[in-house]
Amino acid sequence: MFAVIKTGGKQFRVAHDDVVTLPKIDAEAGSAVTFDQILTLSHAGGIEIGLPGVAGATIAGEIVEHVRGDKVIAFKKRRRQNSRRKRGHRQDYTVVRIGAFTLNGSTLDAPAKAPKPVRASKPAAPAADTAAEA
């Protein structure tokens, strides 16, 4: 189950329990947020495609924290003119944990997570053979 949401002028593909970094949202860390501009919604009953958005669909989320991106340097230099300009910029982002998907008032079930496969470990070397060689 996944959805494509639109927030901050950009589109993001999200799934249940994903932690995504979005453009800054004006809310406190730990507060709930609701996304209502859902462009596509895929669930067990099929795929809903909106024109422009899926009617009656919402996605709940929780704001984890506010962070800042890496510094981007804009450096301009004009040769032989003793003209230089250096500016830095850091973008503000919000980290959000995606929660429940809702369509027409009913909550869609989250998919069951499959257990991780257990890797078979290498067989241990027999201790008796190593002692006999020494």
N, C-alpha and C. Protein backbone atom coordinates (compact mmCIF):
# COMPACT_ATOMS: atom_id res chain seq x y z
N MET A 1 0.85 -1.16 0.00
CA MET A 1 0.00 0.00 0.00
C MET A 1 0.90 1.23 0.00
N PHE A 2 0.66 2.11 -0.96
CA PHE A 2 1.42 3.35 -1.03
C PHE A 2 0.55 4.45 -1.59
N ALA A 3 1.06 5.67 -1.53
CA ALA A 3 0.33 6.82 -2.06
C ALA A 3 1.34 7.83 -2.58
N VAL A 4 0.87 8.68 -3.47
CA VAL A 4 1.66 9.81 -3.95
C VAL A 4 0.96 11.06 -3.43
N ILE A 5 1.67 11.82 -2.59
CA ILE A 5 1.10 13.03 -2.01
C ILE A 5 1.79 14.25 -2.58
N LYS A 6 1.13 15.39 -2.47
CA LYS A 6 1.70 16.65 -2.91
C LYS A 6 1.74 17.59 -1.72
N THR A 7 2.94 18.06 -1.40
CA THR A 7 3.12 19.01 -0.31
C THR A 7 4.34 19.87 -0.62
N GLY A 8 4.24 21.14 -0.33
CA GLY A 8 5.35 22.05 -0.57
C GLY A 8 5.67 22.22 -2.04
N GLY A 9 4.68 21.99 -2.93
CA GLY A 9 4.91 22.14 -4.36
C GLY A 9 5.64 20.97 -5.00
N LYS A 10 5.85 19.90 -4.24
CA LYS A 10 6.55 18.72 -4.75
C LYS A 10 5.70 17.48 -4.49
N GLN A 11 6.02 16.39 -5.19
CA GLN A 11 5.30 15.14 -5.03
C GLN A 11 6.21 14.10 -4.38
N PHE A 12 5.63 13.30 -3.48
CA PHE A 12 6.39 12.30 -2.75
C PHE A 12 5.62 10.99 -2.72
N ARG A 13 6.33 9.87 -2.88
CA ARG A 13 5.73 8.54 -2.77
C ARG A 13 5.95 8.09 -1.34
N VAL A 14 4.86 7.77 -0.64
CA VAL A 14 4.94 7.38 0.76
C VAL A 14 4.20 6.07 0.98
N ALA A 15 4.59 5.34 2.01
CA ALA A 15 3.93 4.11 2.42
C ALA A 15 3.73 4.16 3.93
N HIS A 16 2.96 3.22 4.45
CA HIS A 16 2.68 3.17 5.87
C HIS A 16 3.98 2.98 6.66
N ASP A 17 4.17 3.74 7.73
CA ASP A 17 5.34 3.71 8.62
C ASP A 17 6.63 4.21 7.97
N ASP A 18 6.56 4.86 6.82
CA ASP A 18 7.75 5.47 6.23
C ASP A 18 8.12 6.72 7.02
N VAL A 19 9.40 7.03 7.05
CA VAL A 19 9.88 8.29 7.61
C VAL A 19 10.46 9.08 6.45
N VAL A 20 9.81 10.19 6.11
CA VAL A 20 10.18 10.97 4.93
C VAL A 20 10.58 12.38 5.33
N THR A 21 11.45 12.98 4.52
CA THR A 21 11.88 14.35 4.73
C THR A 21 11.17 15.22 3.72
N LEU A 22 10.36 16.16 4.22
CA LEU A 22 9.52 17.01 3.38
C LEU A 22 9.94 18.46 3.55
N PRO A 23 9.53 19.34 2.63
CA PRO A 23 9.76 20.77 2.85
C PRO A 23 9.11 21.20 4.16
N LYS A 24 9.61 22.28 4.74
CA LYS A 24 9.22 22.69 6.09
C LYS A 24 7.70 22.83 6.23
N ILE A 25 7.18 22.24 7.32
CA ILE A 25 5.78 22.34 7.70
C ILE A 25 5.74 23.11 9.01
N ASP A 26 4.91 24.13 9.09
CA ASP A 26 4.82 24.96 10.30
C ASP A 26 3.97 24.28 11.36
N ALA A 27 4.60 23.44 12.18
CA ALA A 27 3.94 22.78 13.30
C ALA A 27 5.04 22.31 14.25
N GLU A 28 4.63 22.05 15.48
CA GLU A 28 5.57 21.60 16.50
C GLU A 28 5.98 20.15 16.27
N ALA A 29 7.18 19.79 16.72
CA ALA A 29 7.61 18.40 16.68
C ALA A 29 6.73 17.58 17.62
N GLY A 30 6.29 16.42 17.17
CA GLY A 30 5.41 15.57 17.95
C GLY A 30 3.95 15.77 17.66
N SER A 31 3.60 16.80 16.90
CA SER A 31 2.20 17.04 16.59
C SER A 31 1.76 16.25 15.36
N ALA A 32 0.46 16.09 15.21
CA ALA A 32 -0.10 15.33 14.09
C ALA A 32 -0.31 16.27 12.90
N VAL A 33 -0.15 15.71 11.71
CA VAL A 33 -0.37 16.47 10.48
C VAL A 33 -1.18 15.58 9.53
N THR A 34 -2.03 16.21 8.72
CA THR A 34 -2.87 15.47 7.78
C THR A 34 -2.59 15.97 6.37
N PHE A 35 -2.36 15.04 5.47
CA PHE A 35 -2.14 15.36 4.06
C PHE A 35 -3.43 15.03 3.31
N ASP A 36 -3.99 16.03 2.63
CA ASP A 36 -5.24 15.80 1.92
C ASP A 36 -5.10 15.92 0.40
N GLN A 37 -3.95 16.30 -0.09
CA GLN A 37 -3.72 16.34 -1.54
C GLN A 37 -3.07 15.02 -1.95
N ILE A 38 -3.91 14.00 -2.16
CA ILE A 38 -3.45 12.66 -2.52
C ILE A 38 -3.65 12.51 -4.02
N LEU A 39 -2.58 12.31 -4.77
CA LEU A 39 -2.68 12.19 -6.22
C LEU A 39 -2.99 10.76 -6.65
N THR A 40 -2.40 9.77 -5.99
CA THR A 40 -2.62 8.36 -6.29
C THR A 40 -2.62 7.58 -4.99
N LEU A 41 -3.51 6.60 -4.90
CA LEU A 41 -3.61 5.78 -3.70
C LEU A 41 -3.74 4.32 -4.12
N SER A 42 -2.78 3.50 -3.71
CA SER A 42 -2.79 2.07 -4.01
C SER A 42 -3.06 1.32 -2.72
N HIS A 43 -4.06 0.41 -2.76
CA HIS A 43 -4.40 -0.37 -1.58
C HIS A 43 -4.90 -1.73 -2.02
N ALA A 44 -5.33 -2.56 -1.06
CA ALA A 44 -5.74 -3.93 -1.38
C ALA A 44 -6.94 -3.96 -2.33
N GLY A 45 -7.79 -2.93 -2.30
CA GLY A 45 -8.97 -2.89 -3.15
C GLY A 45 -8.69 -2.40 -4.55
N GLY A 46 -7.47 -1.98 -4.84
CA GLY A 46 -7.12 -1.49 -6.17
C GLY A 46 -6.33 -0.20 -6.11
N ILE A 47 -6.34 0.52 -7.23
CA ILE A 47 -5.61 1.78 -7.33
C ILE A 47 -6.60 2.90 -7.60
N GLU A 48 -6.50 3.96 -6.81
CA GLU A 48 -7.32 5.14 -7.00
C GLU A 48 -6.43 6.23 -7.59
N ILE A 49 -6.82 6.77 -8.74
CA ILE A 49 -6.06 7.85 -9.38
C ILE A 49 -6.94 9.08 -9.39
N GLY A 50 -6.42 10.17 -8.86
CA GLY A 50 -7.21 11.38 -8.75
C GLY A 50 -7.05 12.31 -9.94
N LEU A 51 -8.07 13.10 -10.16
CA LEU A 51 -8.05 14.12 -11.20
C LEU A 51 -8.48 15.44 -10.60
N PRO A 52 -7.69 16.26 -10.01
CA PRO A 52 -6.27 16.13 -9.74
C PRO A 52 -5.96 15.36 -8.46
N GLY A 53 -6.93 15.19 -7.56
CA GLY A 53 -6.66 14.46 -6.32
C GLY A 53 -7.73 13.43 -6.07
N VAL A 54 -7.42 12.44 -5.25
CA VAL A 54 -8.37 11.41 -4.90
C VAL A 54 -9.36 12.00 -3.90
N ALA A 55 -10.65 11.99 -4.25
CA ALA A 55 -11.68 12.57 -3.40
C ALA A 55 -11.87 11.71 -2.15
N GLY A 56 -11.87 12.33 -0.99
CA GLY A 56 -12.12 11.63 0.26
C GLY A 56 -10.93 10.90 0.84
N ALA A 57 -9.74 11.08 0.27
CA ALA A 57 -8.56 10.38 0.76
C ALA A 57 -7.72 11.33 1.60
N THR A 58 -7.25 10.83 2.75
CA THR A 58 -6.33 11.58 3.60
C THR A 58 -5.28 10.63 4.15
N ILE A 59 -4.14 11.21 4.50
CA ILE A 59 -3.07 10.44 5.12
C ILE A 59 -2.65 11.17 6.38
N ALA A 60 -2.60 10.44 7.48
CA ALA A 60 -2.19 11.02 8.76
C ALA A 60 -0.69 10.83 8.92
N GLY A 61 -0.07 11.75 9.63
CA GLY A 61 1.36 11.65 9.89
C GLY A 61 1.70 12.31 11.21
N GLU A 62 2.91 12.08 11.66
CA GLU A 62 3.39 12.68 12.90
C GLU A 62 4.74 13.32 12.63
N ILE A 63 4.89 14.56 13.05
CA ILE A 63 6.14 15.28 12.84
C ILE A 63 7.17 14.76 13.85
N VAL A 64 8.28 14.26 13.33
CA VAL A 64 9.33 13.70 14.18
C VAL A 64 10.27 14.81 14.63
N GLU A 65 10.78 15.60 13.67
CA GLU A 65 11.70 16.68 14.01
C GLU A 65 11.83 17.64 12.84
N HIS A 66 12.44 18.78 13.12
CA HIS A 66 12.78 19.76 12.09
C HIS A 66 14.29 19.75 11.92
N VAL A 67 14.76 19.68 10.66
CA VAL A 67 16.19 19.62 10.38
C VAL A 67 16.53 20.63 9.29
N ARG A 68 17.82 20.81 9.09
CA ARG A 68 18.30 21.68 8.02
C ARG A 68 19.18 20.85 7.10
N GLY A 69 19.10 21.15 5.81
CA GLY A 69 19.87 20.41 4.81
C GLY A 69 21.32 20.83 4.79
N ASP A 70 22.08 20.23 3.90
CA ASP A 70 23.49 20.56 3.74
C ASP A 70 23.63 21.97 3.18
N LYS A 71 24.77 22.58 3.46
CA LYS A 71 25.01 23.92 2.96
C LYS A 71 25.35 23.86 1.47
N VAL A 72 24.72 24.75 0.72
CA VAL A 72 24.98 24.87 -0.71
C VAL A 72 25.66 26.21 -0.92
N ILE A 73 26.80 26.20 -1.60
CA ILE A 73 27.57 27.42 -1.83
C ILE A 73 27.32 27.91 -3.25
N ALA A 74 26.96 29.19 -3.37
CA ALA A 74 26.83 29.83 -4.68
C ALA A 74 28.01 30.80 -4.80
N PHE A 75 28.98 30.46 -5.62
CA PHE A 75 30.19 31.27 -5.77
C PHE A 75 30.25 31.81 -7.19
N LYS A 76 30.38 33.13 -7.31
CA LYS A 76 30.48 33.75 -8.63
C LYS A 76 31.78 34.56 -8.67
N LYS A 77 32.49 34.44 -9.78
CA LYS A 77 33.76 35.15 -9.94
C LYS A 77 33.85 35.68 -11.36
N ARG A 78 34.23 36.93 -11.47
CA ARG A 78 34.45 37.53 -12.78
C ARG A 78 35.95 37.71 -12.97
N ARG A 79 36.49 37.10 -14.00
CA ARG A 79 37.93 37.10 -14.21
C ARG A 79 38.47 38.52 -14.41
N ARG A 80 39.63 38.73 -13.86
CA ARG A 80 40.41 39.95 -14.04
C ARG A 80 39.65 41.21 -13.64
N GLN A 81 38.64 41.10 -12.81
CA GLN A 81 37.88 42.30 -12.44
C GLN A 81 37.81 42.47 -10.92
N ASN A 82 38.52 41.61 -10.20
CA ASN A 82 38.53 41.66 -8.74
C ASN A 82 37.10 41.66 -8.19
N SER A 83 36.27 40.81 -8.77
CA SER A 83 34.88 40.73 -8.37
C SER A 83 34.54 39.29 -8.01
N ARG A 84 34.19 39.09 -6.76
CA ARG A 84 33.80 37.76 -6.30
C ARG A 84 32.60 37.90 -5.38
N ARG A 85 31.77 36.84 -5.37
CA ARG A 85 30.64 36.82 -4.44
C ARG A 85 30.43 35.38 -3.99
N LYS A 86 30.32 35.19 -2.68
CA LYS A 86 30.12 33.86 -2.11
C LYS A 86 28.92 33.92 -1.17
N ARG A 87 27.92 33.09 -1.45
CA ARG A 87 26.74 33.02 -0.60
C ARG A 87 26.45 31.57 -0.26
N GLY A 88 26.02 31.32 0.95
CA GLY A 88 25.66 29.98 1.37
C GLY A 88 24.17 29.92 1.66
N HIS A 89 23.61 28.71 1.56
CA HIS A 89 22.19 28.52 1.82
C HIS A 89 21.97 27.15 2.44
N ARG A 90 21.11 27.08 3.45
CA ARG A 90 20.70 25.80 4.05
C ARG A 90 19.18 25.77 4.07
N GLN A 91 18.61 24.75 3.46
CA GLN A 91 17.16 24.62 3.37
C GLN A 91 16.60 23.98 4.64
N ASP A 92 15.42 24.42 5.06
CA ASP A 92 14.74 23.84 6.22
C ASP A 92 13.84 22.69 5.77
N TYR A 93 13.88 21.58 6.51
CA TYR A 93 13.07 20.41 6.20
C TYR A 93 12.36 19.93 7.45
N THR A 94 11.32 19.13 7.25
CA THR A 94 10.58 18.51 8.34
C THR A 94 10.58 17.00 8.12
N VAL A 95 10.93 16.24 9.16
CA VAL A 95 10.92 14.78 9.08
C VAL A 95 9.57 14.31 9.62
N VAL A 96 8.84 13.52 8.80
CA VAL A 96 7.49 13.08 9.14
C VAL A 96 7.40 11.57 9.06
N ARG A 97 6.73 10.95 10.06
CA ARG A 97 6.44 9.52 10.03
C ARG A 97 5.01 9.35 9.53
N ILE A 98 4.84 8.60 8.44
CA ILE A 98 3.54 8.42 7.82
C ILE A 98 2.74 7.40 8.63
N GLY A 99 1.46 7.72 8.85
CA GLY A 99 0.60 6.85 9.65
C GLY A 99 -0.51 6.23 8.83
N ALA A 100 -1.74 6.41 9.28
CA ALA A 100 -2.90 5.73 8.70
C ALA A 100 -3.35 6.37 7.38
N PHE A 101 -3.81 5.50 6.46
CA PHE A 101 -4.40 5.92 5.20
C PHE A 101 -5.92 5.84 5.37
N THR A 102 -6.64 6.88 4.96
CA THR A 102 -8.09 6.91 5.08
C THR A 102 -8.69 7.21 3.73
N LEU A 103 -9.73 6.45 3.36
CA LEU A 103 -10.44 6.66 2.10
C LEU A 103 -11.94 6.66 2.40
N ASN A 104 -12.59 7.79 2.13
CA ASN A 104 -14.03 7.96 2.35
C ASN A 104 -14.45 7.62 3.77
N GLY A 105 -13.64 8.03 4.75
CA GLY A 105 -13.97 7.85 6.15
C GLY A 105 -13.58 6.51 6.75
N SER A 106 -13.14 5.55 5.95
CA SER A 106 -12.73 4.26 6.50
C SER A 106 -11.21 4.13 6.41
N THR A 107 -10.62 3.64 7.50
CA THR A 107 -9.17 3.47 7.55
C THR A 107 -8.78 2.21 6.79
N LEU A 108 -7.79 2.35 5.92
CA LEU A 108 -7.30 1.21 5.16
C LEU A 108 -6.31 0.45 6.01
N ASP A 109 -6.36 -0.87 5.94
CA ASP A 109 -5.49 -1.71 6.75
C ASP A 109 -4.06 -1.62 6.26
N ALA A 110 -3.14 -1.54 7.21
CA ALA A 110 -1.72 -1.53 6.88
C ALA A 110 -1.31 -2.94 6.50
N PRO A 111 -0.42 -3.09 5.52
CA PRO A 111 0.00 -4.42 5.12
C PRO A 111 0.81 -5.08 6.24
N ALA A 112 0.66 -6.39 6.36
CA ALA A 112 1.43 -7.13 7.35
C ALA A 112 2.87 -7.22 6.89
N LYS A 113 3.79 -6.95 7.80
CA LYS A 113 5.20 -6.99 7.44
C LYS A 113 5.69 -8.44 7.47
N ALA A 114 6.37 -8.82 6.42
CA ALA A 114 6.92 -10.17 6.34
C ALA A 114 8.15 -10.27 7.23
N PRO A 115 8.34 -11.39 7.89
CA PRO A 115 9.53 -11.53 8.73
C PRO A 115 10.79 -11.58 7.86
N LYS A 116 11.86 -11.04 8.40
CA LYS A 116 13.12 -11.04 7.66
C LYS A 116 13.68 -12.45 7.60
N PRO A 117 14.23 -12.84 6.44
CA PRO A 117 14.80 -14.18 6.36
C PRO A 117 16.06 -14.29 7.22
N VAL A 118 16.24 -15.45 7.81
CA VAL A 118 17.40 -15.69 8.68
C VAL A 118 18.50 -16.29 7.81
N ARG A 119 19.66 -15.68 7.85
CA ARG A 119 20.78 -16.19 7.08
C ARG A 119 21.39 -17.39 7.79
N ALA A 120 21.76 -18.40 7.00
CA ALA A 120 22.43 -19.56 7.57
C ALA A 120 23.89 -19.19 7.81
N SER A 121 24.37 -19.45 9.00
CA SER A 121 25.76 -19.11 9.31
C SER A 121 26.68 -20.21 8.79
N LYS A 122 27.93 -19.86 8.61
CA LYS A 122 28.92 -20.83 8.15
C LYS A 122 29.17 -21.87 9.23
N PRO A 123 29.37 -23.13 8.85
CA PRO A 123 29.66 -24.13 9.88
C PRO A 123 31.02 -23.86 10.50
N ALA A 124 31.10 -24.05 11.81
CA ALA A 124 32.34 -23.80 12.52
C ALA A 124 33.35 -24.89 12.21
N ALA A 125 34.62 -24.50 12.15
CA ALA A 125 35.69 -25.47 11.89
C ALA A 125 35.83 -26.39 13.11
N PRO A 126 36.00 -27.68 12.91
CA PRO A 126 36.16 -28.59 14.03
C PRO A 126 37.42 -28.24 14.83
N ALA A 127 37.28 -28.19 16.15
CA ALA A 127 38.39 -27.83 17.02
C ALA A 127 39.43 -28.95 17.11
N ALA A 128 39.01 -30.22 16.95
CA ALA A 128 39.94 -31.34 17.09
C ALA A 128 40.97 -31.34 15.96
N ASP A 129 40.60 -30.98 14.75
CA ASP A 129 41.53 -30.98 13.64
C ASP A 129 42.61 -29.92 13.82
N THR A 130 42.25 -28.78 14.34
CA THR A 130 43.25 -27.72 14.53
C THR A 130 44.25 -28.09 15.60
N ALA A 131 43.81 -28.82 16.65
CA ALA A 131 44.72 -29.24 17.73
C ALA A 131 45.67 -30.32 17.23
N ALA A 132 45.22 -31.22 16.35
CA ALA A 132 46.04 -32.30 15.86
C ALA A 132 47.14 -31.77 14.93
N GLU A 133 46.83 -30.72 14.18
CA GLU A 133 47.83 -30.16 13.25
C GLU A 133 48.96 -29.47 14.00
N ALA A 134 48.67 -28.89 15.13
CA ALA A 134 49.68 -28.16 15.90
C ALA A 134 50.59 -29.13 16.57
